[in-house]
Amino acid sequence: MKNYLEVLQNYAVFKGRATRTEYWSFILINAIIGWVLGVLEPSQIGYSIYSLAVLIPTLAVAVRRMHDVGKSGWYLLIPIYNFILAVSIGDSGDNEYGVSTLYDENGELID
């Protein structure tokens, strides 16, 4: 839930990097909320409003996820390849999009 709230706080931040945990936990919680809203409300108005409300944060975290693997956000437009990138391990160390939050300056995983 912490990652979900962090993504919402960075509502329209398209710069920087997002770890796999941050990205996939946001996607999972989004799917659960969407499913609950879809099941509980037959008119789908709540689901539609929620979907519009999280559209920009979803795009922003997806772009940051692409940045974590060293690719431009435009790679989101390539259907299968963007999924492969989203599940890939991010670059160890810094890249052109920002500082790594998982690895130190020696390329060692931070616990």
PDB file of N, CA and C in Angstrom:
ATOM      1  N   MET A   1       0.826  -1.190   0.000  1.00  0.00           N
ATOM      2  CA  MET A   1       0.000   0.000   0.000  1.00  0.00           C
ATOM      3  C   MET A   1       0.874   1.258   0.000  1.00  0.00           C
ATOM      4  N   LYS A   2       2.066   1.142   0.613  1.00  0.00           N
ATOM      5  CA  LYS A   2       2.986   2.276   0.648  1.00  0.00           C
ATOM      6  C   LYS A   2       3.377   2.692  -0.764  1.00  0.00           C
ATOM      7  N   ASN A   3       3.685   1.722  -1.612  1.00  0.00           N
ATOM      8  CA  ASN A   3       4.064   2.030  -2.993  1.00  0.00           C
ATOM      9  C   ASN A   3       2.916   2.655  -3.767  1.00  0.00           C
ATOM     10  N   TYR A   4       1.701   2.187  -3.513  1.00  0.00           N
ATOM     11  CA  TYR A   4       0.522   2.742  -4.185  1.00  0.00           C
ATOM     12  C   TYR A   4       0.364   4.224  -3.833  1.00  0.00           C
ATOM     13  N   LEU A   5       0.476   4.530  -2.556  1.00  0.00           N
ATOM     14  CA  LEU A   5       0.342   5.922  -2.118  1.00  0.00           C
ATOM     15  C   LEU A   5       1.496   6.788  -2.614  1.00  0.00           C
ATOM     16  N   GLU A   6       2.687   6.203  -2.682  1.00  0.00           N
ATOM     17  CA  GLU A   6       3.845   6.939  -3.197  1.00  0.00           C
ATOM     18  C   GLU A   6       3.660   7.313  -4.667  1.00  0.00           C
ATOM     19  N   VAL A   7       3.102   6.389  -5.446  1.00  0.00           N
ATOM     20  CA  VAL A   7       2.834   6.676  -6.857  1.00  0.00           C
ATOM     21  C   VAL A   7       1.795   7.788  -6.972  1.00  0.00           C
ATOM     22  N   LEU A   8       0.771   7.749  -6.147  1.00  0.00           N
ATOM     23  CA  LEU A   8      -0.251   8.799  -6.184  1.00  0.00           C
ATOM     24  C   LEU A   8       0.311  10.154  -5.753  1.00  0.00           C
ATOM     25  N   GLN A   9       1.267  10.153  -4.813  1.00  0.00           N
ATOM     26  CA  GLN A   9       1.903  11.405  -4.405  1.00  0.00           C
ATOM     27  C   GLN A   9       2.735  11.995  -5.530  1.00  0.00           C
ATOM     28  N   ASN A  10       3.336  11.141  -6.337  1.00  0.00           N
ATOM     29  CA  ASN A  10       4.105  11.583  -7.506  1.00  0.00           C
ATOM     30  C   ASN A  10       3.199  11.554  -8.724  1.00  0.00           C
ATOM     31  N   TYR A  11       2.058  12.164  -8.604  1.00  0.00           N
ATOM     32  CA  TYR A  11       0.944  12.070  -9.543  1.00  0.00           C
ATOM     33  C   TYR A  11       1.354  12.192 -11.003  1.00  0.00           C
ATOM     34  N   ALA A  12       2.093  13.211 -11.350  1.00  0.00           N
ATOM     35  CA  ALA A  12       2.443  13.439 -12.751  1.00  0.00           C
ATOM     36  C   ALA A  12       3.946  13.591 -12.934  1.00  0.00           C
ATOM     37  N   VAL A  13       4.717  12.834 -12.167  1.00  0.00           N
ATOM     38  CA  VAL A  13       6.170  12.884 -12.273  1.00  0.00           C
ATOM     39  C   VAL A  13       6.612  11.816 -13.265  1.00  0.00           C
ATOM     40  N   PHE A  14       7.060  12.263 -14.424  1.00  0.00           N
ATOM     41  CA  PHE A  14       7.481  11.342 -15.471  1.00  0.00           C
ATOM     42  C   PHE A  14       8.996  11.190 -15.507  1.00  0.00           C
ATOM     43  N   LYS A  15       9.700  11.871 -14.623  1.00  0.00           N
ATOM     44  CA  LYS A  15      11.158  11.767 -14.563  1.00  0.00           C
ATOM     45  C   LYS A  15      11.536  10.859 -13.409  1.00  0.00           C
ATOM     46  N   GLY A  16      12.675  10.220 -13.549  1.00  0.00           N
ATOM     47  CA  GLY A  16      13.146   9.337 -12.498  1.00  0.00           C
ATOM     48  C   GLY A  16      12.897   7.883 -12.838  1.00  0.00           C
ATOM     49  N   ARG A  17      12.965   7.057 -11.808  1.00  0.00           N
ATOM     50  CA  ARG A  17      12.881   5.613 -11.998  1.00  0.00           C
ATOM     51  C   ARG A  17      11.890   5.003 -11.016  1.00  0.00           C
ATOM     52  N   ALA A  18      11.268   3.907 -11.411  1.00  0.00           N
ATOM     53  CA  ALA A  18      10.353   3.157 -10.543  1.00  0.00           C
ATOM     54  C   ALA A  18      10.786   1.697 -10.527  1.00  0.00           C
ATOM     55  N   THR A  19      10.929   1.150  -9.349  1.00  0.00           N
ATOM     56  CA  THR A  19      11.337  -0.248  -9.223  1.00  0.00           C
ATOM     57  C   THR A  19      10.200  -1.180  -9.647  1.00  0.00           C
ATOM     58  N   ARG A  20      10.546  -2.441  -9.844  1.00  0.00           N
ATOM     59  CA  ARG A  20       9.513  -3.420 -10.177  1.00  0.00           C
ATOM     60  C   ARG A  20       8.484  -3.517  -9.070  1.00  0.00           C
ATOM     61  N   THR A  21       8.919  -3.486  -7.822  1.00  0.00           N
ATOM     62  CA  THR A  21       7.990  -3.578  -6.694  1.00  0.00           C
ATOM     63  C   THR A  21       7.018  -2.410  -6.690  1.00  0.00           C
ATOM     64  N   GLU A  22       7.534  -1.217  -6.887  1.00  0.00           N
ATOM     65  CA  GLU A  22       6.679  -0.026  -6.913  1.00  0.00           C
ATOM     66  C   GLU A  22       5.655  -0.123  -8.035  1.00  0.00           C
ATOM     67  N   TYR A  23       6.109  -0.482  -9.228  1.00  0.00           N
ATOM     68  CA  TYR A  23       5.242  -0.553 -10.386  1.00  0.00           C
ATOM     69  C   TYR A  23       4.179  -1.637 -10.232  1.00  0.00           C
ATOM     70  N   TRP A  24       4.606  -2.863  -9.937  1.00  0.00           N
ATOM     71  CA  TRP A  24       3.663  -3.982  -9.903  1.00  0.00           C
ATOM     72  C   TRP A  24       2.726  -3.921  -8.709  1.00  0.00           C
ATOM     73  N   SER A  25       3.171  -3.380  -7.573  1.00  0.00           N
ATOM     74  CA  SER A  25       2.233  -3.239  -6.448  1.00  0.00           C
ATOM     75  C   SER A  25       1.170  -2.199  -6.781  1.00  0.00           C
ATOM     76  N   PHE A  26       1.553  -1.133  -7.479  1.00  0.00           N
ATOM     77  CA  PHE A  26       0.569  -0.138  -7.909  1.00  0.00           C
ATOM     78  C   PHE A  26      -0.429  -0.764  -8.885  1.00  0.00           C
ATOM     79  N   ILE A  27       0.050  -1.528  -9.844  1.00  0.00           N
ATOM     80  CA  ILE A  27      -0.824  -2.175 -10.823  1.00  0.00           C
ATOM     81  C   ILE A  27      -1.759  -3.162 -10.131  1.00  0.00           C
ATOM     82  N   LEU A  28      -1.248  -3.942  -9.189  1.00  0.00           N
ATOM     83  CA  LEU A  28      -2.066  -4.926  -8.482  1.00  0.00           C
ATOM     84  C   LEU A  28      -3.169  -4.249  -7.671  1.00  0.00           C
ATOM     85  N   ILE A  29      -2.819  -3.248  -6.891  1.00  0.00           N
ATOM     86  CA  ILE A  29      -3.822  -2.548  -6.076  1.00  0.00           C
ATOM     87  C   ILE A  29      -4.828  -1.847  -6.972  1.00  0.00           C
ATOM     88  N   ASN A  30      -4.362  -1.278  -8.072  1.00  0.00           N
ATOM     89  CA  ASN A  30      -5.261  -0.655  -9.047  1.00  0.00           C
ATOM     90  C   ASN A  30      -6.266  -1.670  -9.583  1.00  0.00           C
ATOM     91  N   ALA A  31      -5.792  -2.851  -9.930  1.00  0.00           N
ATOM     92  CA  ALA A  31      -6.674  -3.890 -10.467  1.00  0.00           C
ATOM     93  C   ALA A  31      -7.692  -4.341  -9.431  1.00  0.00           C
ATOM     94  N   ILE A  32      -7.265  -4.481  -8.189  1.00  0.00           N
ATOM     95  CA  ILE A  32      -8.181  -4.898  -7.122  1.00  0.00           C
ATOM     96  C   ILE A  32      -9.258  -3.840  -6.894  1.00  0.00           C
ATOM     97  N   ILE A  33      -8.846  -2.579  -6.809  1.00  0.00           N
ATOM     98  CA  ILE A  33      -9.818  -1.496  -6.620  1.00  0.00           C
ATOM     99  C   ILE A  33     -10.774  -1.434  -7.802  1.00  0.00           C
ATOM    100  N   GLY A  34     -10.263  -1.542  -9.009  1.00  0.00           N
ATOM    101  CA  GLY A  34     -11.101  -1.528 -10.202  1.00  0.00           C
ATOM    102  C   GLY A  34     -12.080  -2.680 -10.220  1.00  0.00           C
ATOM    103  N   TRP A  35     -11.624  -3.863  -9.842  1.00  0.00           N
ATOM    104  CA  TRP A  35     -12.492  -5.035  -9.811  1.00  0.00           C
ATOM    105  C   TRP A  35     -13.601  -4.854  -8.779  1.00  0.00           C
ATOM    106  N   VAL A  36     -13.237  -4.381  -7.585  1.00  0.00           N
ATOM    107  CA  VAL A  36     -14.227  -4.161  -6.530  1.00  0.00           C
ATOM    108  C   VAL A  36     -15.260  -3.129  -6.977  1.00  0.00           C
ATOM    109  N   LEU A  37     -14.806  -2.035  -7.543  1.00  0.00           N
ATOM    110  CA  LEU A  37     -15.747  -1.017  -8.022  1.00  0.00           C
ATOM    111  C   LEU A  37     -16.630  -1.557  -9.136  1.00  0.00           C
ATOM    112  N   GLY A  38     -16.078  -2.369 -10.004  1.00  0.00           N
ATOM    113  CA  GLY A  38     -16.853  -2.946 -11.094  1.00  0.00           C
ATOM    114  C   GLY A  38     -17.906  -3.927 -10.619  1.00  0.00           C
ATOM    115  N   VAL A  39     -17.587  -4.693  -9.565  1.00  0.00           N
ATOM    116  CA  VAL A  39     -18.521  -5.686  -9.049  1.00  0.00           C
ATOM    117  C   VAL A  39     -19.608  -5.027  -8.196  1.00  0.00           C
ATOM    118  N   LEU A  40     -19.208  -4.060  -7.376  1.00  0.00           N
ATOM    119  CA  LEU A  40     -20.148  -3.451  -6.439  1.00  0.00           C
ATOM    120  C   LEU A  40     -21.123  -2.482  -7.088  1.00  0.00           C
ATOM    121  N   GLU A  41     -20.744  -1.907  -8.197  1.00  0.00           N
ATOM    122  CA  GLU A  41     -21.585  -0.884  -8.798  1.00  0.00           C
ATOM    123  C   GLU A  41     -21.943  -1.271 -10.232  1.00  0.00           C
ATOM    124  N   PRO A  42     -23.167  -1.695 -10.459  1.00  0.00           N
ATOM    125  CA  PRO A  42     -23.558  -2.136 -11.802  1.00  0.00           C
ATOM    126  C   PRO A  42     -23.516  -1.034 -12.856  1.00  0.00           C
ATOM    127  N   SER A  43     -23.664   0.219 -12.464  1.00  0.00           N
ATOM    128  CA  SER A  43     -23.694   1.304 -13.457  1.00  0.00           C
ATOM    129  C   SER A  43     -22.300   1.664 -13.969  1.00  0.00           C
ATOM    130  N   GLN A  44     -21.250   1.200 -13.281  1.00  0.00           N
ATOM    131  CA  GLN A  44     -19.853   1.419 -13.680  1.00  0.00           C
ATOM    132  C   GLN A  44     -19.412   2.885 -13.610  1.00  0.00           C
ATOM    133  N   ILE A  45     -20.199   3.759 -13.018  1.00  0.00           N
ATOM    134  CA  ILE A  45     -19.807   5.168 -12.932  1.00  0.00           C
ATOM    135  C   ILE A  45     -18.605   5.337 -12.006  1.00  0.00           C
ATOM    136  N   GLY A  46     -18.632   4.672 -10.863  1.00  0.00           N
ATOM    137  CA  GLY A  46     -17.506   4.758  -9.930  1.00  0.00           C
ATOM    138  C   GLY A  46     -16.223   4.226 -10.540  1.00  0.00           C
ATOM    139  N   TYR A  47     -16.340   3.118 -11.252  1.00  0.00           N
ATOM    140  CA  TYR A  47     -15.180   2.535 -11.922  1.00  0.00           C
ATOM    141  C   TYR A  47     -14.625   3.488 -12.973  1.00  0.00           C
ATOM    142  N   SER A  48     -15.514   4.121 -13.725  1.00  0.00           N
ATOM    143  CA  SER A  48     -15.078   5.065 -14.767  1.00  0.00           C
ATOM    144  C   SER A  48     -14.377   6.269 -14.167  1.00  0.00           C
ATOM    145  N   ILE A  49     -14.925   6.805 -13.090  1.00  0.00           N
ATOM    146  CA  ILE A  49     -14.310   7.962 -12.421  1.00  0.00           C
ATOM    147  C   ILE A  49     -12.951   7.577 -11.855  1.00  0.00           C
ATOM    148  N   TYR A  50     -12.871   6.411 -11.212  1.00  0.00           N
ATOM    149  CA  TYR A  50     -11.601   5.951 -10.650  1.00  0.00           C
ATOM    150  C   TYR A  50     -10.568   5.749 -11.760  1.00  0.00           C
ATOM    151  N   SER A  51     -10.977   5.135 -12.855  1.00  0.00           N
ATOM    152  CA  SER A  51     -10.054   4.890 -13.965  1.00  0.00           C
ATOM    153  C   SER A  51      -9.497   6.189 -14.531  1.00  0.00           C
ATOM    154  N   LEU A  52     -10.333   7.181 -14.670  1.00  0.00           N
ATOM    155  CA  LEU A  52      -9.862   8.487 -15.155  1.00  0.00           C
ATOM    156  C   LEU A  52      -8.942   9.156 -14.139  1.00  0.00           C
ATOM    157  N   ALA A  53      -9.253   8.983 -12.852  1.00  0.00           N
ATOM    158  CA  ALA A  53      -8.446   9.615 -11.804  1.00  0.00           C
ATOM    159  C   ALA A  53      -7.030   9.048 -11.742  1.00  0.00           C
ATOM    160  N   VAL A  54      -6.875   7.764 -12.027  1.00  0.00           N
ATOM    161  CA  VAL A  54      -5.543   7.148 -11.933  1.00  0.00           C
ATOM    162  C   VAL A  54      -4.865   6.972 -13.285  1.00  0.00           C
ATOM    163  N   LEU A  55      -5.434   7.526 -14.333  1.00  0.00           N
ATOM    164  CA  LEU A  55      -4.840   7.397 -15.660  1.00  0.00           C
ATOM    165  C   LEU A  55      -3.444   8.027 -15.724  1.00  0.00           C
ATOM    166  N   ILE A  56      -3.315   9.256 -15.284  1.00  0.00           N
ATOM    167  CA  ILE A  56      -2.008   9.941 -15.339  1.00  0.00           C
ATOM    168  C   ILE A  56      -0.997   9.290 -14.405  1.00  0.00           C
ATOM    169  N   PRO A  57      -1.357   8.952 -13.140  1.00  0.00           N
ATOM    170  CA  PRO A  57      -0.362   8.254 -12.311  1.00  0.00           C
ATOM    171  C   PRO A  57       0.062   6.911 -12.893  1.00  0.00           C
ATOM    172  N   THR A  58      -0.851   6.212 -13.546  1.00  0.00           N
ATOM    173  CA  THR A  58      -0.505   4.930 -14.155  1.00  0.00           C
ATOM    174  C   THR A  58       0.489   5.120 -15.295  1.00  0.00           C
ATOM    175  N   LEU A  59       0.244   6.109 -16.128  1.00  0.00           N
ATOM    176  CA  LEU A  59       1.195   6.404 -17.212  1.00  0.00           C
ATOM    177  C   LEU A  59       2.540   6.855 -16.655  1.00  0.00           C
ATOM    178  N   ALA A  60       2.503   7.687 -15.612  1.00  0.00           N
ATOM    179  CA  ALA A  60       3.746   8.200 -15.033  1.00  0.00           C
ATOM    180  C   ALA A  60       4.595   7.073 -14.445  1.00  0.00           C
ATOM    181  N   VAL A  61       3.980   6.172 -13.682  1.00  0.00           N
ATOM    182  CA  VAL A  61       4.758   5.085 -13.088  1.00  0.00           C
ATOM    183  C   VAL A  61       5.237   4.118 -14.163  1.00  0.00           C
ATOM    184  N   ALA A  62       4.478   3.938 -15.232  1.00  0.00           N
ATOM    185  CA  ALA A  62       4.912   3.067 -16.328  1.00  0.00           C
ATOM    186  C   ALA A  62       6.120   3.663 -17.050  1.00  0.00           C
ATOM    187  N   VAL A  63       6.103   4.971 -17.264  1.00  0.00           N
ATOM    188  CA  VAL A  63       7.250   5.641 -17.891  1.00  0.00           C
ATOM    189  C   VAL A  63       8.473   5.525 -16.987  1.00  0.00           C
ATOM    190  N   ARG A  64       8.288   5.742 -15.687  1.00  0.00           N
ATOM    191  CA  ARG A  64       9.415   5.621 -14.751  1.00  0.00           C
ATOM    192  C   ARG A  64       9.939   4.185 -14.714  1.00  0.00           C
ATOM    193  N   ARG A  65       9.049   3.206 -14.900  1.00  0.00           N
ATOM    194  CA  ARG A  65       9.487   1.801 -14.954  1.00  0.00           C
ATOM    195  C   ARG A  65      10.363   1.562 -16.183  1.00  0.00           C
ATOM    196  N   MET A  66       9.980   2.132 -17.317  1.00  0.00           N
ATOM    197  CA  MET A  66      10.803   2.022 -18.521  1.00  0.00           C
ATOM    198  C   MET A  66      12.166   2.684 -18.288  1.00  0.00           C
ATOM    199  N   HIS A  67      12.160   3.805 -17.588  1.00  0.00           N
ATOM    200  CA  HIS A  67      13.414   4.492 -17.279  1.00  0.00           C
ATOM    201  C   HIS A  67      14.321   3.621 -16.412  1.00  0.00           C
ATOM    202  N   ASP A  68      13.721   2.831 -15.508  1.00  0.00           N
ATOM    203  CA  ASP A  68      14.528   1.999 -14.615  1.00  0.00           C
ATOM    204  C   ASP A  68      15.317   0.949 -15.385  1.00  0.00           C
ATOM    205  N   VAL A  69      14.790   0.507 -16.518  1.00  0.00           N
ATOM    206  CA  VAL A  69      15.524  -0.477 -17.325  1.00  0.00           C
ATOM    207  C   VAL A  69      16.334   0.201 -18.430  1.00  0.00           C
ATOM    208  N   GLY A  70      16.432   1.519 -18.366  1.00  0.00           N
ATOM    209  CA  GLY A  70      17.279   2.250 -19.302  1.00  0.00           C
ATOM    210  C   GLY A  70      16.637   2.565 -20.637  1.00  0.00           C
ATOM    211  N   LYS A  71      15.319   2.530 -20.717  1.00  0.00           N
ATOM    212  CA  LYS A  71      14.624   2.794 -21.971  1.00  0.00           C
ATOM    213  C   LYS A  71      13.765   4.050 -21.847  1.00  0.00           C
ATOM    214  N   SER A  72      13.439   4.618 -22.979  1.00  0.00           N
ATOM    215  CA  SER A  72      12.559   5.777 -23.029  1.00  0.00           C
ATOM    216  C   SER A  72      11.125   5.346 -22.723  1.00  0.00           C
ATOM    217  N   GLY A  73      10.320   6.275 -22.247  1.00  0.00           N
ATOM    218  CA  GLY A  73       8.918   6.000 -21.991  1.00  0.00           C
ATOM    219  C   GLY A  73       8.138   5.648 -23.240  1.00  0.00           C
ATOM    220  N   TRP A  74       8.647   6.016 -24.385  1.00  0.00           N
ATOM    221  CA  TRP A  74       7.980   5.698 -25.650  1.00  0.00           C
ATOM    222  C   TRP A  74       7.907   4.197 -25.905  1.00  0.00           C
ATOM    223  N   TYR A  75       8.718   3.419 -25.212  1.00  0.00           N
ATOM    224  CA  TYR A  75       8.672   1.970 -25.360  1.00  0.00           C
ATOM    225  C   TYR A  75       7.355   1.384 -24.861  1.00  0.00           C
ATOM    226  N   LEU A  76       6.568   2.169 -24.134  1.00  0.00           N
ATOM    227  CA  LEU A  76       5.242   1.713 -23.711  1.00  0.00           C
ATOM    228  C   LEU A  76       4.335   1.434 -24.905  1.00  0.00           C
ATOM    229  N   LEU A  77       4.631   2.039 -26.032  1.00  0.00           N
ATOM    230  CA  LEU A  77       3.801   1.872 -27.218  1.00  0.00           C
ATOM    231  C   LEU A  77       4.060   0.574 -27.969  1.00  0.00           C
ATOM    232  N   ILE A  78       5.082  -0.179 -27.554  1.00  0.00           N
ATOM    233  CA  ILE A  78       5.396  -1.460 -28.200  1.00  0.00           C
ATOM    234  C   ILE A  78       4.801  -2.565 -27.326  1.00  0.00           C
ATOM    235  N   PRO A  79       3.710  -3.192 -27.751  1.00  0.00           N
ATOM    236  CA  PRO A  79       2.897  -4.050 -26.892  1.00  0.00           C
ATOM    237  C   PRO A  79       3.619  -5.141 -26.093  1.00  0.00           C
ATOM    238  N   ILE A  80       4.243  -6.098 -26.702  1.00  0.00           N
ATOM    239  CA  ILE A  80       4.830  -7.211 -25.949  1.00  0.00           C
ATOM    240  C   ILE A  80       6.143  -6.797 -25.291  1.00  0.00           C
ATOM    241  N   TYR A  81       6.924  -6.010 -25.998  1.00  0.00           N
ATOM    242  CA  TYR A  81       8.238  -5.611 -25.494  1.00  0.00           C
ATOM    243  C   TYR A  81       8.121  -4.790 -24.216  1.00  0.00           C
ATOM    244  N   ASN A  82       7.097  -3.949 -24.093  1.00  0.00           N
ATOM    245  CA  ASN A  82       6.975  -3.149 -22.873  1.00  0.00           C
ATOM    246  C   ASN A  82       6.691  -4.037 -21.667  1.00  0.00           C
ATOM    247  N   PHE A  83       5.971  -5.132 -21.854  1.00  0.00           N
ATOM    248  CA  PHE A  83       5.739  -6.071 -20.755  1.00  0.00           C
ATOM    249  C   PHE A  83       7.048  -6.750 -20.349  1.00  0.00           C
ATOM    250  N   ILE A  84       7.833  -7.139 -21.334  1.00  0.00           N
ATOM    251  CA  ILE A  84       9.127  -7.770 -21.048  1.00  0.00           C
ATOM    252  C   ILE A  84      10.009  -6.802 -20.260  1.00  0.00           C
ATOM    253  N   LEU A  85      10.007  -5.541 -20.663  1.00  0.00           N
ATOM    254  CA  LEU A  85      10.788  -4.540 -19.931  1.00  0.00           C
ATOM    255  C   LEU A  85      10.249  -4.325 -18.527  1.00  0.00           C
ATOM    256  N   ALA A  86       8.930  -4.355 -18.372  1.00  0.00           N
ATOM    257  CA  ALA A  86       8.318  -4.111 -17.062  1.00  0.00           C
ATOM    258  C   ALA A  86       8.656  -5.204 -16.054  1.00  0.00           C
ATOM    259  N   VAL A  87       8.881  -6.424 -16.517  1.00  0.00           N
ATOM    260  CA  VAL A  87       9.220  -7.516 -15.600  1.00  0.00           C
ATOM    261  C   VAL A  87      10.734  -7.711 -15.470  1.00  0.00           C
ATOM    262  N   SER A  88      11.517  -6.977 -16.245  1.00  0.00           N
ATOM    263  CA  SER A  88      12.974  -7.099 -16.204  1.00  0.00           C
ATOM    264  C   SER A  88      13.552  -6.375 -14.988  1.00  0.00           C
ATOM    265  N   ILE A  89      14.711  -6.837 -14.590  1.00  0.00           N
ATOM    266  CA  ILE A  89      15.428  -6.185 -13.503  1.00  0.00           C
ATOM    267  C   ILE A  89      15.948  -4.847 -14.004  1.00  0.00           C
ATOM    268  N   GLY A  90      15.855  -3.828 -13.167  1.00  0.00           N
ATOM    269  CA  GLY A  90      16.332  -2.499 -13.531  1.00  0.00           C
ATOM    270  C   GLY A  90      17.848  -2.446 -13.624  1.00  0.00           C
ATOM    271  N   ASP A  91      18.336  -1.397 -14.242  1.00  0.00           N
ATOM    272  CA  ASP A  91      19.785  -1.203 -14.362  1.00  0.00           C
ATOM    273  C   ASP A  91      20.417  -1.086 -12.979  1.00  0.00           C
ATOM    274  N   SER A  92      21.526  -1.799 -12.796  1.00  0.00           N
ATOM    275  CA  SER A  92      22.253  -1.630 -11.538  1.00  0.00           C
ATOM    276  C   SER A  92      23.073  -0.350 -11.644  1.00  0.00           C
ATOM    277  N   GLY A  93      22.988   0.443 -10.651  1.00  0.00           N
ATOM    278  CA  GLY A  93      23.672   1.727 -10.675  1.00  0.00           C
ATOM    279  C   GLY A  93      22.845   2.778 -11.390  1.00  0.00           C
ATOM    280  N   ASP A  94      23.442   3.933 -11.542  1.00  0.00           N
ATOM    281  CA  ASP A  94      22.748   5.053 -12.158  1.00  0.00           C
ATOM    282  C   ASP A  94      22.676   4.876 -13.668  1.00  0.00           C
ATOM    283  N   ASN A  95      21.648   5.468 -14.274  1.00  0.00           N
ATOM    284  CA  ASN A  95      21.573   5.529 -15.728  1.00  0.00           C
ATOM    285  C   ASN A  95      21.167   6.952 -16.108  1.00  0.00           C
ATOM    286  N   GLU A  96      20.913   7.198 -17.373  1.00  0.00           N
ATOM    287  CA  GLU A  96      20.628   8.558 -17.821  1.00  0.00           C
ATOM    288  C   GLU A  96      19.324   9.121 -17.256  1.00  0.00           C
ATOM    289  N   TYR A  97      18.493   8.259 -16.666  1.00  0.00           N
ATOM    290  CA  TYR A  97      17.204   8.698 -16.155  1.00  0.00           C
ATOM    291  C   TYR A  97      17.194   8.943 -14.654  1.00  0.00           C
ATOM    292  N   GLY A  98      18.265   8.587 -13.968  1.00  0.00           N
ATOM    293  CA  GLY A  98      18.314   8.874 -12.545  1.00  0.00           C
ATOM    294  C   GLY A  98      19.153   7.892 -11.760  1.00  0.00           C
ATOM    295  N   VAL A  99      19.094   8.067 -10.470  1.00  0.00           N
ATOM    296  CA  VAL A  99      19.863   7.275  -9.522  1.00  0.00           C
ATOM    297  C   VAL A  99      19.092   5.999  -9.191  1.00  0.00           C
ATOM    298  N   SER A 100      19.801   4.896  -9.084  1.00  0.00           N
ATOM    299  CA  SER A 100      19.178   3.635  -8.720  1.00  0.00           C
ATOM    300  C   SER A 100      18.810   3.646  -7.242  1.00  0.00           C
ATOM    301  N   THR A 101      17.630   3.146  -6.930  1.00  0.00           N
ATOM    302  CA  THR A 101      17.213   3.048  -5.535  1.00  0.00           C
ATOM    303  C   THR A 101      17.423   1.640  -4.994  1.00  0.00           C
ATOM    304  N   LEU A 102      17.809   0.702  -5.857  1.00  0.00           N
ATOM    305  CA  LEU A 102      18.040  -0.679  -5.424  1.00  0.00           C
ATOM    306  C   LEU A 102      19.503  -1.050  -5.292  1.00  0.00           C
ATOM    307  N   TYR A 103      20.372  -0.319  -5.968  1.00  0.00           N
ATOM    308  CA  TYR A 103      21.786  -0.667  -5.985  1.00  0.00           C
ATOM    309  C   TYR A 103      22.630   0.501  -5.502  1.00  0.00           C
ATOM    310  N   ASP A 104      23.721   0.182  -4.806  1.00  0.00           N
ATOM    311  CA  ASP A 104      24.637   1.239  -4.386  1.00  0.00           C
ATOM    312  C   ASP A 104      25.611   1.559  -5.523  1.00  0.00           C
ATOM    313  N   GLU A 105      26.589   2.426  -5.248  1.00  0.00           N
ATOM    314  CA  GLU A 105      27.520   2.859  -6.290  1.00  0.00           C
ATOM    315  C   GLU A 105      28.426   1.743  -6.791  1.00  0.00           C
ATOM    316  N   ASN A 106      28.536   0.642  -6.040  1.00  0.00           N
ATOM    317  CA  ASN A 106      29.361  -0.505  -6.452  1.00  0.00           C
ATOM    318  C   ASN A 106      28.559  -1.558  -7.215  1.00  0.00           C
ATOM    319  N   GLY A 107      27.262  -1.297  -7.432  1.00  0.00           N
ATOM    320  CA  GLY A 107      26.410  -2.260  -8.115  1.00  0.00           C
ATOM    321  C   GLY A 107      25.877  -3.356  -7.218  1.00  0.00           C
ATOM    322  N   GLU A 108      26.052  -3.194  -5.903  1.00  0.00           N
ATOM    323  CA  GLU A 108      25.578  -4.177  -4.934  1.00  0.00           C
ATOM    324  C   GLU A 108      24.133  -3.873  -4.565  1.00  0.00           C
ATOM    325  N   LEU A 109      23.333  -4.905  -4.395  1.00  0.00           N
ATOM    326  CA  LEU A 109      21.929  -4.776  -4.022  1.00  0.00           C
ATOM    327  C   LEU A 109      21.820  -4.231  -2.618  1.00  0.00           C
ATOM    328  N   ILE A 110      21.005  -3.183  -2.446  1.00  0.00           N
ATOM    329  CA  ILE A 110      20.787  -2.594  -1.120  1.00  0.00           C
ATOM    330  C   ILE A 110      19.680  -3.368  -0.439  1.00  0.00           C
ATOM    331  N   ASP A 111      19.915  -3.797   0.801  1.00  0.00           N
ATOM    332  CA  ASP A 111      18.885  -4.552   1.546  1.00  0.00           C
ATOM    333  C   ASP A 111      17.917  -3.638   2.223  1.00  0.00           C
TER     334      ASP A 111
END
